[in-house]
Every structure is written in structure tokens, then in C-alpha cells.
Amino acid sequence: MHFHQMMDSSYHNALPILLAPHKQIQFIQVGCGGTGGFLAPMLARLIFALEKVGINASGILVDFDTVETVNVPRQNFCEADIGFNKADVLA
């Protein structure tokens, strides 16, 4: 039996995940480069949506790297960001 036959990840077979209600949620994103640079704005939208329904949400971005010229074409940064910390730029 192959792995893809054992693992069925189709949507119609997925079970809902029920979490206990939370009054406060804190997200910590580690990495703000290739993937994290595009995730951070979506995380900000999620935090905004949670706050609109009464959930106190916050986020922390962690990355010790700085934006370099080679990052601009393939990551979520522009030339004005070069030399600054990636997490600070996205915050």
C-alpha cells in the first residue's frame, strides 16, 4: 500500500476541529522571509477579524535577518526596506 492510499486528506472526509473558546489568542510567527513575509499581512487580517468578534488577539513577528537586495525580487519587501530588520519592516 502506498502512502497516498493510506492518507486521505480530501476535504469531504475532513473532520472539523473543535477548539475551546478563547478570550485571548497570541500568535508568534518565526521567520519573515520567503513564506513568512507573505504570511504576516494575512496574520494581521486574522487578528483584526478576531478582534471584531470580541477576541483579544495579538501577534509577534520574529526574524533576526535584515532585508538585502537579493530579497526584494522574491520576498515581500521593496527597495526602501533594504538594511532594515525583516520583522520590523513587516510589523
PDB file of N, CA and C in Angstrom:
ATOM      1  N   MET A   1       0.843  -1.170   0.000  1.00  0.00           N
ATOM      2  CA  MET A   1       0.000   0.000   0.000  1.00  0.00           C
ATOM      3  C   MET A   1       0.895   1.242   0.000  1.00  0.00           C
ATOM      4  N   HIS A   2       0.580   2.187  -0.866  1.00  0.00           N
ATOM      5  CA  HIS A   2       1.345   3.422  -0.971  1.00  0.00           C
ATOM      6  C   HIS A   2       0.843   4.445   0.041  1.00  0.00           C
ATOM      7  N   PHE A   3       1.715   5.407   0.352  1.00  0.00           N
ATOM      8  CA  PHE A   3       1.380   6.435   1.334  1.00  0.00           C
ATOM      9  C   PHE A   3       0.110   7.177   0.952  1.00  0.00           C
ATOM     10  N   HIS A   4      -0.028   7.558  -0.332  1.00  0.00           N
ATOM     11  CA  HIS A   4      -1.198   8.333  -0.738  1.00  0.00           C
ATOM     12  C   HIS A   4      -2.490   7.532  -0.608  1.00  0.00           C
ATOM     13  N   GLN A   5      -2.411   6.211  -0.555  1.00  0.00           N
ATOM     14  CA  GLN A   5      -3.599   5.389  -0.346  1.00  0.00           C
ATOM     15  C   GLN A   5      -3.954   5.314   1.142  1.00  0.00           C
ATOM     16  N   MET A   6      -2.966   5.414   2.005  1.00  0.00           N
ATOM     17  CA  MET A   6      -3.206   5.366   3.446  1.00  0.00           C
ATOM     18  C   MET A   6      -3.699   6.711   3.975  1.00  0.00           C
ATOM     19  N   MET A   7      -3.221   7.782   3.385  1.00  0.00           N
ATOM     20  CA  MET A   7      -3.505   9.123   3.885  1.00  0.00           C
ATOM     21  C   MET A   7      -4.532   9.792   2.990  1.00  0.00           C
ATOM     22  N   ASP A   8      -5.739   9.948   3.472  1.00  0.00           N
ATOM     23  CA  ASP A   8      -6.784  10.620   2.706  1.00  0.00           C
ATOM     24  C   ASP A   8      -6.962  12.021   3.269  1.00  0.00           C
ATOM     25  N   SER A   9      -6.503  13.005   2.543  1.00  0.00           N
ATOM     26  CA  SER A   9      -6.600  14.382   3.021  1.00  0.00           C
ATOM     27  C   SER A   9      -7.643  15.174   2.247  1.00  0.00           C
ATOM     28  N   SER A  10      -8.582  14.482   1.613  1.00  0.00           N
ATOM     29  CA  SER A  10      -9.609  15.184   0.852  1.00  0.00           C
ATOM     30  C   SER A  10     -10.542  15.943   1.793  1.00  0.00           C
ATOM     31  N   TYR A  11     -11.031  17.043   1.312  1.00  0.00           N
ATOM     32  CA  TYR A  11     -11.837  17.944   2.133  1.00  0.00           C
ATOM     33  C   TYR A  11     -13.113  17.276   2.638  1.00  0.00           C
ATOM     34  N   HIS A  12     -13.792  16.521   1.793  1.00  0.00           N
ATOM     35  CA  HIS A  12     -15.076  15.943   2.193  1.00  0.00           C
ATOM     36  C   HIS A  12     -14.944  14.892   3.300  1.00  0.00           C
ATOM     37  N   ASN A  13     -13.762  14.372   3.530  1.00  0.00           N
ATOM     38  CA  ASN A  13     -13.540  13.413   4.612  1.00  0.00           C
ATOM     39  C   ASN A  13     -12.938  14.053   5.863  1.00  0.00           C
ATOM     40  N   ALA A  14     -12.684  15.347   5.800  1.00  0.00           N
ATOM     41  CA  ALA A  14     -12.048  16.034   6.928  1.00  0.00           C
ATOM     42  C   ALA A  14     -13.044  16.221   8.067  1.00  0.00           C
ATOM     43  N   LEU A  15     -12.567  16.055   9.264  1.00  0.00           N
ATOM     44  CA  LEU A  15     -13.384  16.274  10.451  1.00  0.00           C
ATOM     45  C   LEU A  15     -13.124  17.681  10.977  1.00  0.00           C
ATOM     46  N   PRO A  16     -14.161  18.364  11.429  1.00  0.00           N
ATOM     47  CA  PRO A  16     -13.930  19.709  11.973  1.00  0.00           C
ATOM     48  C   PRO A  16     -13.133  19.634  13.272  1.00  0.00           C
ATOM     49  N   ILE A  17     -12.302  20.613  13.464  1.00  0.00           N
ATOM     50  CA  ILE A  17     -11.535  20.705  14.703  1.00  0.00           C
ATOM     51  C   ILE A  17     -12.280  21.664  15.621  1.00  0.00           C
ATOM     52  N   LEU A  18     -12.717  21.169  16.732  1.00  0.00           N
ATOM     53  CA  LEU A  18     -13.450  21.999  17.682  1.00  0.00           C
ATOM     54  C   LEU A  18     -12.517  22.397  18.812  1.00  0.00           C
ATOM     55  N   LEU A  19     -12.281  23.676  18.907  1.00  0.00           N
ATOM     56  CA  LEU A  19     -11.419  24.198  19.961  1.00  0.00           C
ATOM     57  C   LEU A  19     -12.266  24.882  21.021  1.00  0.00           C
ATOM     58  N   ALA A  20     -11.805  24.841  22.227  1.00  0.00           N
ATOM     59  CA  ALA A  20     -12.493  25.562  23.294  1.00  0.00           C
ATOM     60  C   ALA A  20     -12.444  27.056  22.989  1.00  0.00           C
ATOM     61  N   PRO A  21     -13.501  27.780  23.318  1.00  0.00           N
ATOM     62  CA  PRO A  21     -13.493  29.222  23.051  1.00  0.00           C
ATOM     63  C   PRO A  21     -12.392  29.920  23.858  1.00  0.00           C
ATOM     64  N   HIS A  22     -11.767  30.874  23.232  1.00  0.00           N
ATOM     65  CA  HIS A  22     -10.688  31.626  23.875  1.00  0.00           C
ATOM     66  C   HIS A  22     -11.052  33.099  23.900  1.00  0.00           C
ATOM     67  N   LYS A  23     -10.685  33.767  24.970  1.00  0.00           N
ATOM     68  CA  LYS A  23     -10.884  35.212  25.044  1.00  0.00           C
ATOM     69  C   LYS A  23      -9.644  35.956  24.584  1.00  0.00           C
ATOM     70  N   GLN A  24      -8.530  35.241  24.546  1.00  0.00           N
ATOM     71  CA  GLN A  24      -7.273  35.863  24.143  1.00  0.00           C
ATOM     72  C   GLN A  24      -6.445  34.850  23.361  1.00  0.00           C
ATOM     73  N   ILE A  25      -5.898  35.311  22.238  1.00  0.00           N
ATOM     74  CA  ILE A  25      -5.046  34.462  21.401  1.00  0.00           C
ATOM     75  C   ILE A  25      -3.805  35.262  21.032  1.00  0.00           C
ATOM     76  N   GLN A  26      -2.644  34.643  21.176  1.00  0.00           N
ATOM     77  CA  GLN A  26      -1.403  35.290  20.752  1.00  0.00           C
ATOM     78  C   GLN A  26      -0.724  34.404  19.718  1.00  0.00           C
ATOM     79  N   PHE A  27      -0.422  34.994  18.572  1.00  0.00           N
ATOM     80  CA  PHE A  27       0.277  34.295  17.502  1.00  0.00           C
ATOM     81  C   PHE A  27       1.741  34.707  17.533  1.00  0.00           C
ATOM     82  N   ILE A  28       2.631  33.739  17.351  1.00  0.00           N
ATOM     83  CA  ILE A  28       4.058  34.027  17.236  1.00  0.00           C
ATOM     84  C   ILE A  28       4.522  33.435  15.917  1.00  0.00           C
ATOM     85  N   GLN A  29       4.959  34.307  15.025  1.00  0.00           N
ATOM     86  CA  GLN A  29       5.447  33.872  13.719  1.00  0.00           C
ATOM     87  C   GLN A  29       6.965  33.972  13.715  1.00  0.00           C
ATOM     88  N   VAL A  30       7.617  32.848  13.515  1.00  0.00           N
ATOM     89  CA  VAL A  30       9.074  32.821  13.460  1.00  0.00           C
ATOM     90  C   VAL A  30       9.483  32.703  12.000  1.00  0.00           C
ATOM     91  N   GLY A  31      10.130  33.722  11.496  1.00  0.00           N
ATOM     92  CA  GLY A  31      10.557  33.772  10.103  1.00  0.00           C
ATOM     93  C   GLY A  31       9.701  34.739   9.313  1.00  0.00           C
ATOM     94  N   CYS A  32      10.347  35.727   8.713  1.00  0.00           N
ATOM     95  CA  CYS A  32       9.632  36.758   7.952  1.00  0.00           C
ATOM     96  C   CYS A  32      10.203  36.909   6.553  1.00  0.00           C
ATOM     97  N   GLY A  33      10.803  35.846   6.042  1.00  0.00           N
ATOM     98  CA  GLY A  33      11.414  35.900   4.719  1.00  0.00           C
ATOM     99  C   GLY A  33      10.462  35.468   3.627  1.00  0.00           C
ATOM    100  N   GLY A  34      10.840  34.411   2.903  1.00  0.00           N
ATOM    101  CA  GLY A  34      10.087  33.968   1.734  1.00  0.00           C
ATOM    102  C   GLY A  34       8.629  33.671   2.004  1.00  0.00           C
ATOM    103  N   THR A  35       8.336  32.741   2.867  1.00  0.00           N
ATOM    104  CA  THR A  35       6.950  32.395   3.188  1.00  0.00           C
ATOM    105  C   THR A  35       6.388  33.338   4.242  1.00  0.00           C
ATOM    106  N   GLY A  36       7.146  33.595   5.288  1.00  0.00           N
ATOM    107  CA  GLY A  36       6.679  34.434   6.385  1.00  0.00           C
ATOM    108  C   GLY A  36       6.364  35.858   5.980  1.00  0.00           C
ATOM    109  N   GLY A  37       7.083  36.365   4.989  1.00  0.00           N
ATOM    110  CA  GLY A  37       6.833  37.723   4.523  1.00  0.00           C
ATOM    111  C   GLY A  37       5.454  37.886   3.912  1.00  0.00           C
ATOM    112  N   PHE A  38       4.944  36.821   3.307  1.00  0.00           N
ATOM    113  CA  PHE A  38       3.606  36.868   2.725  1.00  0.00           C
ATOM    114  C   PHE A  38       2.546  36.431   3.731  1.00  0.00           C
ATOM    115  N   LEU A  39       2.949  35.678   4.748  1.00  0.00           N
ATOM    116  CA  LEU A  39       2.012  35.245   5.783  1.00  0.00           C
ATOM    117  C   LEU A  39       1.674  36.382   6.749  1.00  0.00           C
ATOM    118  N   ALA A  40       2.623  37.239   7.049  1.00  0.00           N
ATOM    119  CA  ALA A  40       2.434  38.295   8.051  1.00  0.00           C
ATOM    120  C   ALA A  40       1.230  39.198   7.765  1.00  0.00           C
ATOM    121  N   PRO A  41       1.020  39.695   6.544  1.00  0.00           N
ATOM    122  CA  PRO A  41      -0.173  40.526   6.303  1.00  0.00           C
ATOM    123  C   PRO A  41      -1.479  39.750   6.495  1.00  0.00           C
ATOM    124  N   MET A  42      -1.476  38.462   6.155  1.00  0.00           N
ATOM    125  CA  MET A  42      -2.677  37.648   6.364  1.00  0.00           C
ATOM    126  C   MET A  42      -2.926  37.425   7.851  1.00  0.00           C
ATOM    127  N   LEU A  43      -1.853  37.264   8.605  1.00  0.00           N
ATOM    128  CA  LEU A  43      -1.973  37.125  10.051  1.00  0.00           C
ATOM    129  C   LEU A  43      -2.556  38.403  10.655  1.00  0.00           C
ATOM    130  N   ALA A  44      -2.139  39.550  10.150  1.00  0.00           N
ATOM    131  CA  ALA A  44      -2.682  40.826  10.626  1.00  0.00           C
ATOM    132  C   ALA A  44      -4.182  40.911  10.349  1.00  0.00           C
ATOM    133  N   ARG A  45      -4.608  40.444   9.181  1.00  0.00           N
ATOM    134  CA  ARG A  45      -6.042  40.438   8.859  1.00  0.00           C
ATOM    135  C   ARG A  45      -6.813  39.503   9.788  1.00  0.00           C
ATOM    136  N   LEU A  46      -6.232  38.346  10.094  1.00  0.00           N
ATOM    137  CA  LEU A  46      -6.870  37.402  11.003  1.00  0.00           C
ATOM    138  C   LEU A  46      -7.024  38.016  12.394  1.00  0.00           C
ATOM    139  N   ILE A  47      -5.982  38.673  12.876  1.00  0.00           N
ATOM    140  CA  ILE A  47      -6.038  39.319  14.188  1.00  0.00           C
ATOM    141  C   ILE A  47      -7.131  40.387  14.200  1.00  0.00           C
ATOM    142  N   PHE A  48      -7.215  41.171  13.141  1.00  0.00           N
ATOM    143  CA  PHE A  48      -8.248  42.204  13.029  1.00  0.00           C
ATOM    144  C   PHE A  48      -9.643  41.579  13.075  1.00  0.00           C
ATOM    145  N   ALA A  49      -9.842  40.486  12.337  1.00  0.00           N
ATOM    146  CA  ALA A  49     -11.143  39.811  12.306  1.00  0.00           C
ATOM    147  C   ALA A  49     -11.501  39.233  13.672  1.00  0.00           C
ATOM    148  N   LEU A  50     -10.527  38.659  14.363  1.00  0.00           N
ATOM    149  CA  LEU A  50     -10.782  38.116  15.695  1.00  0.00           C
ATOM    150  C   LEU A  50     -11.178  39.215  16.677  1.00  0.00           C
ATOM    151  N   GLU A  51     -10.519  40.354  16.580  1.00  0.00           N
ATOM    152  CA  GLU A  51     -10.832  41.456  17.480  1.00  0.00           C
ATOM    153  C   GLU A  51     -12.235  41.994  17.224  1.00  0.00           C
ATOM    154  N   LYS A  52     -12.690  41.943  15.974  1.00  0.00           N
ATOM    155  CA  LYS A  52     -14.044  42.416  15.655  1.00  0.00           C
ATOM    156  C   LYS A  52     -15.122  41.551  16.296  1.00  0.00           C
ATOM    157  N   VAL A  53     -14.810  40.290  16.594  1.00  0.00           N
ATOM    158  CA  VAL A  53     -15.796  39.411  17.234  1.00  0.00           C
ATOM    159  C   VAL A  53     -15.528  39.264  18.736  1.00  0.00           C
ATOM    160  N   GLY A  54     -14.702  40.152  19.273  1.00  0.00           N
ATOM    161  CA  GLY A  54     -14.516  40.199  20.712  1.00  0.00           C
ATOM    162  C   GLY A  54     -13.401  39.349  21.284  1.00  0.00           C
ATOM    163  N   ILE A  55     -12.535  38.830  20.433  1.00  0.00           N
ATOM    164  CA  ILE A  55     -11.406  38.036  20.920  1.00  0.00           C
ATOM    165  C   ILE A  55     -10.164  38.917  20.922  1.00  0.00           C
ATOM    166  N   ASN A  56      -9.531  39.040  22.064  1.00  0.00           N
ATOM    167  CA  ASN A  56      -8.315  39.831  22.184  1.00  0.00           C
ATOM    168  C   ASN A  56      -7.173  39.048  21.538  1.00  0.00           C
ATOM    169  N   ALA A  57      -6.723  39.504  20.389  1.00  0.00           N
ATOM    170  CA  ALA A  57      -5.683  38.787  19.642  1.00  0.00           C
ATOM    171  C   ALA A  57      -4.478  39.696  19.431  1.00  0.00           C
ATOM    172  N   SER A  58      -3.307  39.085  19.411  1.00  0.00           N
ATOM    173  CA  SER A  58      -2.075  39.830  19.155  1.00  0.00           C
ATOM    174  C   SER A  58      -1.093  38.924  18.427  1.00  0.00           C
ATOM    175  N   GLY A  59      -0.078  39.553  17.856  1.00  0.00           N
ATOM    176  CA  GLY A  59       0.913  38.785  17.118  1.00  0.00           C
ATOM    177  C   GLY A  59       2.313  39.310  17.344  1.00  0.00           C
ATOM    178  N   ILE A  60       3.264  38.410  17.285  1.00  0.00           N
ATOM    179  CA  ILE A  60       4.681  38.755  17.406  1.00  0.00           C
ATOM    180  C   ILE A  60       5.386  38.177  16.189  1.00  0.00           C
ATOM    181  N   LEU A  61       6.171  39.007  15.523  1.00  0.00           N
ATOM    182  CA  LEU A  61       6.983  38.556  14.390  1.00  0.00           C
ATOM    183  C   LEU A  61       8.429  38.451  14.855  1.00  0.00           C
ATOM    184  N   VAL A  62       9.070  37.323  14.548  1.00  0.00           N
ATOM    185  CA  VAL A  62      10.450  37.088  14.973  1.00  0.00           C
ATOM    186  C   VAL A  62      11.299  36.766  13.751  1.00  0.00           C
ATOM    187  N   ASP A  63      12.322  37.556  13.522  1.00  0.00           N
ATOM    188  CA  ASP A  63      13.312  37.273  12.480  1.00  0.00           C
ATOM    189  C   ASP A  63      14.513  38.165  12.758  1.00  0.00           C
ATOM    190  N   PHE A  64      15.688  37.574  12.832  1.00  0.00           N
ATOM    191  CA  PHE A  64      16.888  38.341  13.158  1.00  0.00           C
ATOM    192  C   PHE A  64      17.658  38.771  11.916  1.00  0.00           C
ATOM    193  N   ASP A  65      17.092  38.510  10.747  1.00  0.00           N
ATOM    194  CA  ASP A  65      17.746  38.834   9.480  1.00  0.00           C
ATOM    195  C   ASP A  65      17.319  40.222   9.009  1.00  0.00           C
ATOM    196  N   THR A  66      18.161  40.825   8.175  1.00  0.00           N
ATOM    197  CA  THR A  66      17.822  42.113   7.576  1.00  0.00           C
ATOM    198  C   THR A  66      17.511  41.921   6.097  1.00  0.00           C
ATOM    199  N   VAL A  67      16.729  42.845   5.568  1.00  0.00           N
ATOM    200  CA  VAL A  67      16.365  42.803   4.152  1.00  0.00           C
ATOM    201  C   VAL A  67      17.598  43.148   3.325  1.00  0.00           C
ATOM    202  N   GLU A  68      17.883  42.306   2.333  1.00  0.00           N
ATOM    203  CA  GLU A  68      19.002  42.533   1.419  1.00  0.00           C
ATOM    204  C   GLU A  68      18.462  42.722   0.007  1.00  0.00           C
ATOM    205  N   THR A  69      19.293  43.240  -0.861  1.00  0.00           N
ATOM    206  CA  THR A  69      18.895  43.479  -2.249  1.00  0.00           C
ATOM    207  C   THR A  69      18.372  42.218  -2.916  1.00  0.00           C
ATOM    208  N   VAL A  70      18.992  41.076  -2.628  1.00  0.00           N
ATOM    209  CA  VAL A  70      18.567  39.819  -3.261  1.00  0.00           C
ATOM    210  C   VAL A  70      17.188  39.368  -2.783  1.00  0.00           C
ATOM    211  N   ASN A  71      16.719  39.891  -1.647  1.00  0.00           N
ATOM    212  CA  ASN A  71      15.400  39.519  -1.128  1.00  0.00           C
ATOM    213  C   ASN A  71      14.258  40.208  -1.870  1.00  0.00           C
ATOM    214  N   VAL A  72      14.498  41.388  -2.396  1.00  0.00           N
ATOM    215  CA  VAL A  72      13.425  42.214  -2.961  1.00  0.00           C
ATOM    216  C   VAL A  72      12.655  41.526  -4.093  1.00  0.00           C
ATOM    217  N   PRO A  73      13.292  40.889  -5.064  1.00  0.00           N
ATOM    218  CA  PRO A  73      12.504  40.288  -6.153  1.00  0.00           C
ATOM    219  C   PRO A  73      11.646  39.095  -5.737  1.00  0.00           C
ATOM    220  N   ARG A  74      12.019  38.388  -4.665  1.00  0.00           N
ATOM    221  CA  ARG A  74      11.305  37.145  -4.357  1.00  0.00           C
ATOM    222  C   ARG A  74      10.639  37.118  -2.989  1.00  0.00           C
ATOM    223  N   GLN A  75      10.788  38.163  -2.208  1.00  0.00           N
ATOM    224  CA  GLN A  75      10.137  38.224  -0.900  1.00  0.00           C
ATOM    225  C   GLN A  75       9.263  39.472  -0.835  1.00  0.00           C
ATOM    226  N   ASN A  76       8.489  39.616   0.199  1.00  0.00           N
ATOM    227  CA  ASN A  76       7.508  40.694   0.303  1.00  0.00           C
ATOM    228  C   ASN A  76       8.140  41.983   0.842  1.00  0.00           C
ATOM    229  N   PHE A  77       9.178  42.449   0.142  1.00  0.00           N
ATOM    230  CA  PHE A  77       9.871  43.666   0.530  1.00  0.00           C
ATOM    231  C   PHE A  77      10.121  44.518  -0.701  1.00  0.00           C
ATOM    232  N   CYS A  78      10.394  45.810  -0.472  1.00  0.00           N
ATOM    233  CA  CYS A  78      10.747  46.705  -1.575  1.00  0.00           C
ATOM    234  C   CYS A  78      12.126  47.303  -1.297  1.00  0.00           C
ATOM    235  N   GLU A  79      12.642  48.065  -2.236  1.00  0.00           N
ATOM    236  CA  GLU A  79      13.995  48.609  -2.107  1.00  0.00           C
ATOM    237  C   GLU A  79      14.146  49.515  -0.889  1.00  0.00           C
ATOM    238  N   ALA A  80      13.085  50.204  -0.502  1.00  0.00           N
ATOM    239  CA  ALA A  80      13.152  51.094   0.667  1.00  0.00           C
ATOM    240  C   ALA A  80      13.366  50.321   1.968  1.00  0.00           C
ATOM    241  N   ASP A  81      13.104  49.013   1.956  1.00  0.00           N
ATOM    242  CA  ASP A  81      13.249  48.178   3.154  1.00  0.00           C
ATOM    243  C   ASP A  81      14.666  47.652   3.351  1.00  0.00           C
ATOM    244  N   ILE A  82      15.522  47.777   2.348  1.00  0.00           N
ATOM    245  CA  ILE A  82      16.873  47.211   2.403  1.00  0.00           C
ATOM    246  C   ILE A  82      17.644  47.785   3.595  1.00  0.00           C
ATOM    247  N   GLY A  83      18.250  46.875   4.357  1.00  0.00           N
ATOM    248  CA  GLY A  83      19.044  47.260   5.516  1.00  0.00           C
ATOM    249  C   GLY A  83      18.291  47.230   6.832  1.00  0.00           C
ATOM    250  N   PHE A  84      16.974  47.096   6.765  1.00  0.00           N
ATOM    251  CA  PHE A  84      16.163  47.060   7.985  1.00  0.00           C
ATOM    252  C   PHE A  84      15.828  45.624   8.362  1.00  0.00           C
ATOM    253  N   ASN A  85      15.531  45.409   9.630  1.00  0.00           N
ATOM    254  CA  ASN A  85      15.150  44.091  10.122  1.00  0.00           C
ATOM    255  C   ASN A  85      13.833  43.658   9.477  1.00  0.00           C
ATOM    256  N   LYS A  86      13.776  42.400   9.028  1.00  0.00           N
ATOM    257  CA  LYS A  86      12.591  41.894   8.330  1.00  0.00           C
ATOM    258  C   LYS A  86      11.338  41.946   9.196  1.00  0.00           C
ATOM    259  N   ALA A  87      11.442  41.557  10.446  1.00  0.00           N
ATOM    260  CA  ALA A  87      10.274  41.578  11.333  1.00  0.00           C
ATOM    261  C   ALA A  87       9.795  43.008  11.570  1.00  0.00           C
ATOM    262  N   ASP A  88      10.724  43.936  11.744  1.00  0.00           N
ATOM    263  CA  ASP A  88      10.348  45.337  11.951  1.00  0.00           C
ATOM    264  C   ASP A  88       9.651  45.909  10.726  1.00  0.00           C
ATOM    265  N   VAL A  89      10.144  45.572   9.546  1.00  0.00           N
ATOM    266  CA  VAL A  89       9.538  46.079   8.310  1.00  0.00           C
ATOM    267  C   VAL A  89       8.102  45.597   8.180  1.00  0.00           C
ATOM    268  N   LEU A  90       7.863  44.325   8.465  1.00  0.00           N
ATOM    269  CA  LEU A  90       6.524  43.758   8.297  1.00  0.00           C
ATOM    270  C   LEU A  90       5.572  44.141   9.421  1.00  0.00           C
ATOM    271  N   ALA A  91       6.116  44.538  10.570  1.00  0.00           N
ATOM    272  CA  ALA A  91       5.245  44.924  11.689  1.00  0.00           C
ATOM    273  C   ALA A  91       4.573  46.233  11.366  1.00  0.00           C
TER     274      ALA A  91
END
